[in-house]
Amino acid sequence: MGESCRKSTITAALHQSGLYGRVARRKPLLSARHMKACMEFAKKHLKDSKMVRNKILWSDENFLALLLS
């Protein structure tokens, strides 16, 4: 613990281990075009039966669970 070393030494050791200091780019999940398409879909299917809504609208719940966890 008391020894000093260069940052490049630590970086090289991490790279050899397969670890990189990258951060994912933050981007919006939905573009304005996608939000508009979702809204149009929702309005079009507003009067569908509950069974149809459950099959269509919640078919991507695994994706939502991944986002919310």
N, C-alpha and C. Protein backbone atom coordinates (compact mmCIF):
# COMPACT_ATOMS: atom_id res chain seq x y z
N MET A 1 0.80 -1.18 0.00
CA MET A 1 0.00 0.00 0.00
C MET A 1 0.85 1.25 0.00
N GLY A 2 2.00 1.23 0.59
CA GLY A 2 2.80 2.43 0.72
C GLY A 2 3.65 2.72 -0.51
N GLU A 3 3.60 1.87 -1.54
CA GLU A 3 4.42 2.08 -2.72
C GLU A 3 3.72 3.00 -3.71
N SER A 4 4.52 3.78 -4.44
CA SER A 4 3.94 4.65 -5.46
C SER A 4 4.15 4.04 -6.84
N CYS A 5 3.25 4.35 -7.74
CA CYS A 5 3.38 3.90 -9.12
C CYS A 5 2.66 4.88 -10.03
N ARG A 6 2.97 4.79 -11.29
CA ARG A 6 2.35 5.69 -12.25
C ARG A 6 0.93 5.24 -12.59
N LYS A 7 0.15 6.21 -13.03
CA LYS A 7 -1.22 5.91 -13.47
C LYS A 7 -1.19 4.97 -14.67
N SER A 8 -0.22 5.14 -15.55
CA SER A 8 -0.13 4.30 -16.75
C SER A 8 0.15 2.84 -16.39
N THR A 9 0.85 2.60 -15.28
CA THR A 9 1.11 1.23 -14.84
C THR A 9 -0.19 0.55 -14.41
N ILE A 10 -0.98 1.28 -13.67
CA ILE A 10 -2.26 0.74 -13.22
C ILE A 10 -3.18 0.52 -14.41
N THR A 11 -3.21 1.50 -15.32
CA THR A 11 -4.05 1.39 -16.51
C THR A 11 -3.65 0.18 -17.35
N ALA A 12 -2.36 -0.02 -17.53
CA ALA A 12 -1.87 -1.16 -18.32
C ALA A 12 -2.27 -2.48 -17.67
N ALA A 13 -2.16 -2.56 -16.36
CA ALA A 13 -2.54 -3.80 -15.65
C ALA A 13 -4.03 -4.06 -15.80
N LEU A 14 -4.84 -3.02 -15.69
CA LEU A 14 -6.29 -3.20 -15.86
C LEU A 14 -6.63 -3.62 -17.28
N HIS A 15 -5.96 -3.04 -18.28
CA HIS A 15 -6.21 -3.40 -19.68
C HIS A 15 -5.84 -4.86 -19.93
N GLN A 16 -4.76 -5.31 -19.34
CA GLN A 16 -4.36 -6.71 -19.51
C GLN A 16 -5.41 -7.65 -18.91
N SER A 17 -6.09 -7.18 -17.90
CA SER A 17 -7.14 -7.99 -17.26
C SER A 17 -8.47 -7.87 -17.98
N GLY A 18 -8.52 -7.02 -19.02
CA GLY A 18 -9.75 -6.87 -19.78
C GLY A 18 -10.69 -5.81 -19.22
N LEU A 19 -10.20 -4.96 -18.34
CA LEU A 19 -11.01 -3.90 -17.76
C LEU A 19 -10.65 -2.57 -18.39
N TYR A 20 -11.67 -1.83 -18.82
CA TYR A 20 -11.45 -0.55 -19.47
C TYR A 20 -12.32 0.50 -18.81
N GLY A 21 -11.84 1.71 -18.75
CA GLY A 21 -12.57 2.80 -18.10
C GLY A 21 -13.48 3.53 -19.05
N ARG A 22 -14.47 2.84 -19.58
CA ARG A 22 -15.40 3.46 -20.52
C ARG A 22 -16.74 3.67 -19.85
N VAL A 23 -17.41 4.72 -20.24
CA VAL A 23 -18.74 5.02 -19.74
C VAL A 23 -19.68 5.06 -20.93
N ALA A 24 -20.81 4.38 -20.80
CA ALA A 24 -21.78 4.34 -21.90
C ALA A 24 -22.34 5.73 -22.15
N ARG A 25 -22.56 6.06 -23.40
CA ARG A 25 -23.15 7.34 -23.77
C ARG A 25 -24.60 7.38 -23.34
N ARG A 26 -24.98 8.48 -22.73
CA ARG A 26 -26.37 8.66 -22.33
C ARG A 26 -27.15 9.19 -23.51
N LYS A 27 -28.25 8.56 -23.80
CA LYS A 27 -29.10 9.00 -24.90
C LYS A 27 -30.55 8.78 -24.51
N PRO A 28 -31.44 9.52 -25.09
CA PRO A 28 -32.86 9.31 -24.76
C PRO A 28 -33.33 7.94 -25.22
N LEU A 29 -34.19 7.34 -24.44
CA LEU A 29 -34.68 6.01 -24.78
C LEU A 29 -35.59 6.05 -26.01
N LEU A 30 -36.37 7.12 -26.14
CA LEU A 30 -37.27 7.24 -27.27
C LEU A 30 -37.07 8.60 -27.93
N SER A 31 -37.02 8.59 -29.24
CA SER A 31 -36.94 9.85 -29.98
C SER A 31 -38.35 10.44 -30.08
N ALA A 32 -38.42 11.67 -30.54
CA ALA A 32 -39.72 12.32 -30.69
C ALA A 32 -40.61 11.54 -31.68
N ARG A 33 -40.00 11.00 -32.72
CA ARG A 33 -40.74 10.21 -33.70
C ARG A 33 -41.32 8.95 -33.06
N HIS A 34 -40.52 8.28 -32.20
CA HIS A 34 -41.00 7.07 -31.54
C HIS A 34 -42.12 7.39 -30.57
N MET A 35 -41.98 8.50 -29.82
CA MET A 35 -43.03 8.86 -28.88
C MET A 35 -44.33 9.16 -29.60
N LYS A 36 -44.23 9.83 -30.75
CA LYS A 36 -45.43 10.14 -31.53
C LYS A 36 -46.08 8.86 -32.04
N ALA A 37 -45.27 7.91 -32.52
CA ALA A 37 -45.80 6.64 -33.01
C ALA A 37 -46.47 5.86 -31.88
N CYS A 38 -45.89 5.88 -30.69
CA CYS A 38 -46.49 5.19 -29.54
C CYS A 38 -47.83 5.81 -29.18
N MET A 39 -47.89 7.13 -29.20
CA MET A 39 -49.14 7.81 -28.86
C MET A 39 -50.22 7.50 -29.89
N GLU A 40 -49.87 7.49 -31.16
CA GLU A 40 -50.84 7.16 -32.21
C GLU A 40 -51.34 5.74 -32.05
N PHE A 41 -50.44 4.81 -31.73
CA PHE A 41 -50.82 3.42 -31.51
C PHE A 41 -51.78 3.31 -30.33
N ALA A 42 -51.46 4.01 -29.24
CA ALA A 42 -52.31 3.95 -28.05
C ALA A 42 -53.71 4.50 -28.34
N LYS A 43 -53.78 5.61 -29.08
CA LYS A 43 -55.09 6.18 -29.41
C LYS A 43 -55.88 5.26 -30.33
N LYS A 44 -55.18 4.61 -31.26
CA LYS A 44 -55.84 3.71 -32.21
C LYS A 44 -56.43 2.50 -31.49
N HIS A 45 -55.75 2.00 -30.46
CA HIS A 45 -56.17 0.78 -29.77
C HIS A 45 -56.85 1.06 -28.43
N LEU A 46 -57.31 2.26 -28.22
CA LEU A 46 -57.93 2.64 -26.96
C LEU A 46 -59.16 1.81 -26.64
N LYS A 47 -59.92 1.43 -27.61
CA LYS A 47 -61.18 0.72 -27.39
C LYS A 47 -61.04 -0.81 -27.48
N ASP A 48 -59.83 -1.31 -27.60
CA ASP A 48 -59.61 -2.76 -27.65
C ASP A 48 -60.00 -3.40 -26.32
N SER A 49 -60.31 -4.70 -26.37
CA SER A 49 -60.67 -5.41 -25.15
C SER A 49 -59.43 -5.54 -24.25
N LYS A 50 -59.68 -5.86 -22.99
CA LYS A 50 -58.59 -5.97 -22.02
C LYS A 50 -57.61 -7.07 -22.42
N MET A 51 -58.11 -8.18 -22.94
CA MET A 51 -57.24 -9.29 -23.33
C MET A 51 -56.30 -8.87 -24.46
N VAL A 52 -56.83 -8.17 -25.43
CA VAL A 52 -56.01 -7.71 -26.56
C VAL A 52 -54.96 -6.71 -26.07
N ARG A 53 -55.37 -5.79 -25.18
CA ARG A 53 -54.43 -4.80 -24.65
C ARG A 53 -53.29 -5.49 -23.91
N ASN A 54 -53.60 -6.49 -23.11
CA ASN A 54 -52.56 -7.19 -22.35
C ASN A 54 -51.58 -7.89 -23.27
N LYS A 55 -52.08 -8.45 -24.36
CA LYS A 55 -51.20 -9.15 -25.29
C LYS A 55 -50.31 -8.18 -26.06
N ILE A 56 -50.86 -7.04 -26.46
CA ILE A 56 -50.11 -6.11 -27.31
C ILE A 56 -49.27 -5.15 -26.48
N LEU A 57 -49.90 -4.45 -25.57
CA LEU A 57 -49.22 -3.35 -24.90
C LEU A 57 -48.16 -3.81 -23.91
N TRP A 58 -48.33 -4.97 -23.31
CA TRP A 58 -47.37 -5.41 -22.31
C TRP A 58 -46.47 -6.52 -22.82
N SER A 59 -46.36 -6.65 -24.12
CA SER A 59 -45.50 -7.69 -24.67
C SER A 59 -44.02 -7.37 -24.45
N ASP A 60 -43.71 -6.12 -24.10
CA ASP A 60 -42.31 -5.75 -23.89
C ASP A 60 -42.00 -5.55 -22.41
N GLU A 61 -42.73 -6.22 -21.52
CA GLU A 61 -42.52 -5.98 -20.10
C GLU A 61 -41.14 -6.43 -19.63
N ASN A 62 -40.51 -7.40 -20.31
CA ASN A 62 -39.16 -7.79 -19.94
C ASN A 62 -38.20 -6.64 -20.15
N PHE A 63 -38.39 -5.85 -21.22
CA PHE A 63 -37.56 -4.70 -21.47
C PHE A 63 -37.74 -3.66 -20.38
N LEU A 64 -38.99 -3.44 -19.95
CA LEU A 64 -39.26 -2.49 -18.88
C LEU A 64 -38.67 -2.96 -17.56
N ALA A 65 -38.76 -4.24 -17.28
CA ALA A 65 -38.19 -4.77 -16.05
C ALA A 65 -36.68 -4.56 -16.04
N LEU A 66 -36.06 -4.71 -17.18
CA LEU A 66 -34.62 -4.50 -17.28
C LEU A 66 -34.28 -3.03 -17.01
N LEU A 67 -35.09 -2.13 -17.54
CA LEU A 67 -34.83 -0.70 -17.34
C LEU A 67 -35.03 -0.29 -15.89
N LEU A 68 -36.03 -0.84 -15.23
CA LEU A 68 -36.37 -0.41 -13.89
C LEU A 68 -35.56 -1.10 -12.81
N SER A 69 -34.80 -2.11 -13.16
CA SER A 69 -34.01 -2.81 -12.14
C SER A 69 -32.67 -2.17 -11.95
